[in-house]
Amino acid sequence: MRLKGRSVLLLHAGLPLPERVQFLAQALRQFDLEAIYLSPAARETIRASTTC
């Protein structure tokens, strides 16, 4: 979702943590993250995420 020209992601706090992580990883796949430092574990989680 975009708000005032910026990307915004809303996560329901009531979802279990694994579902929130998966949702966030799927959303981050839309962006070029090469120039941003992410831990190897975070990169792997994003790479391995599947679309719903």
C-alpha atoms as a PDB file:
ATOM      1  CA  MET A   1       0.000   0.000   0.000  1.00  0.00           C
ATOM      2  CA  ARG A   2       1.206   3.533  -0.666  1.00  0.00           C
ATOM      3  CA  LEU A   3       0.558   6.511   1.566  1.00  0.00           C
ATOM      4  CA  LYS A   4       1.696   9.972   0.490  1.00  0.00           C
ATOM      5  CA  GLY A   5       3.966   8.358  -2.084  1.00  0.00           C
ATOM      6  CA  ARG A   6       5.657   6.022   0.386  1.00  0.00           C
ATOM      7  CA  SER A   7       5.269   2.278   0.762  1.00  0.00           C
ATOM      8  CA  VAL A   8       3.464   1.244   3.929  1.00  0.00           C
ATOM      9  CA  LEU A   9       2.944  -2.234   5.342  1.00  0.00           C
ATOM     10  CA  LEU A  10       0.372  -2.954   8.027  1.00  0.00           C
ATOM     11  CA  LEU A  11       0.715  -6.138  10.060  1.00  0.00           C
ATOM     12  CA  HIS A  12      -1.999  -7.400  12.374  1.00  0.00           C
ATOM     13  CA  ALA A  13      -0.414  -7.720  15.822  1.00  0.00           C
ATOM     14  CA  GLY A  14      -2.736 -10.604  16.635  1.00  0.00           C
ATOM     15  CA  LEU A  15      -1.244 -12.899  14.007  1.00  0.00           C
ATOM     16  CA  PRO A  16       1.234 -15.504  15.203  1.00  0.00           C
ATOM     17  CA  LEU A  17       4.857 -14.409  14.825  1.00  0.00           C
ATOM     18  CA  PRO A  18       5.692 -16.920  12.044  1.00  0.00           C
ATOM     19  CA  GLU A  19       2.810 -15.569   9.947  1.00  0.00           C
ATOM     20  CA  ARG A  20       3.917 -11.969  10.491  1.00  0.00           C
ATOM     21  CA  VAL A  21       7.490 -12.873   9.482  1.00  0.00           C
ATOM     22  CA  GLN A  22       6.252 -14.636   6.332  1.00  0.00           C
ATOM     23  CA  PHE A  23       3.982 -11.728   5.400  1.00  0.00           C
ATOM     24  CA  LEU A  24       6.812  -9.213   5.881  1.00  0.00           C
ATOM     25  CA  ALA A  25       9.238 -11.354   3.874  1.00  0.00           C
ATOM     26  CA  GLN A  26       6.769 -11.573   0.995  1.00  0.00           C
ATOM     27  CA  ALA A  27       6.283  -7.810   1.035  1.00  0.00           C
ATOM     28  CA  LEU A  28      10.041  -7.149   1.063  1.00  0.00           C
ATOM     29  CA  ARG A  29      10.516  -9.324  -2.034  1.00  0.00           C
ATOM     30  CA  GLN A  30       9.002  -6.461  -4.049  1.00  0.00           C
ATOM     31  CA  PHE A  31      11.981  -4.202  -3.339  1.00  0.00           C
ATOM     32  CA  ASP A  32      15.597  -4.115  -4.507  1.00  0.00           C
ATOM     33  CA  LEU A  33      17.399  -4.832  -1.250  1.00  0.00           C
ATOM     34  CA  GLU A  34      20.926  -5.270  -2.616  1.00  0.00           C
ATOM     35  CA  ALA A  35      22.104  -1.850  -1.394  1.00  0.00           C
ATOM     36  CA  ILE A  36      20.608  -2.368   2.088  1.00  0.00           C
ATOM     37  CA  TYR A  37      22.349  -4.363   4.803  1.00  0.00           C
ATOM     38  CA  LEU A  38      20.301  -7.342   5.913  1.00  0.00           C
ATOM     39  CA  SER A  39      21.598 -10.256   7.935  1.00  0.00           C
ATOM     40  CA  PRO A  40      22.168 -13.457   5.966  1.00  0.00           C
ATOM     41  CA  ALA A  41      19.267 -15.045   7.872  1.00  0.00           C
ATOM     42  CA  ALA A  42      16.932 -12.194   6.882  1.00  0.00           C
ATOM     43  CA  ARG A  43      17.996 -12.449   3.237  1.00  0.00           C
ATOM     44  CA  GLU A  44      17.405 -16.198   3.262  1.00  0.00           C
ATOM     45  CA  THR A  45      13.964 -15.775   4.835  1.00  0.00           C
ATOM     46  CA  ILE A  46      13.019 -13.240   2.156  1.00  0.00           C
ATOM     47  CA  ARG A  47      14.455 -15.387  -0.640  1.00  0.00           C
ATOM     48  CA  ALA A  48      12.657 -18.493   0.612  1.00  0.00           C
ATOM     49  CA  SER A  49       9.295 -16.815   1.168  1.00  0.00           C
ATOM     50  CA  THR A  50       6.449 -17.937  -1.033  1.00  0.00           C
ATOM     51  CA  THR A  51       3.578 -15.879  -2.321  1.00  0.00           C
ATOM     52  CA  CYS A  52       0.075 -16.569  -1.035  1.00  0.00           C
END
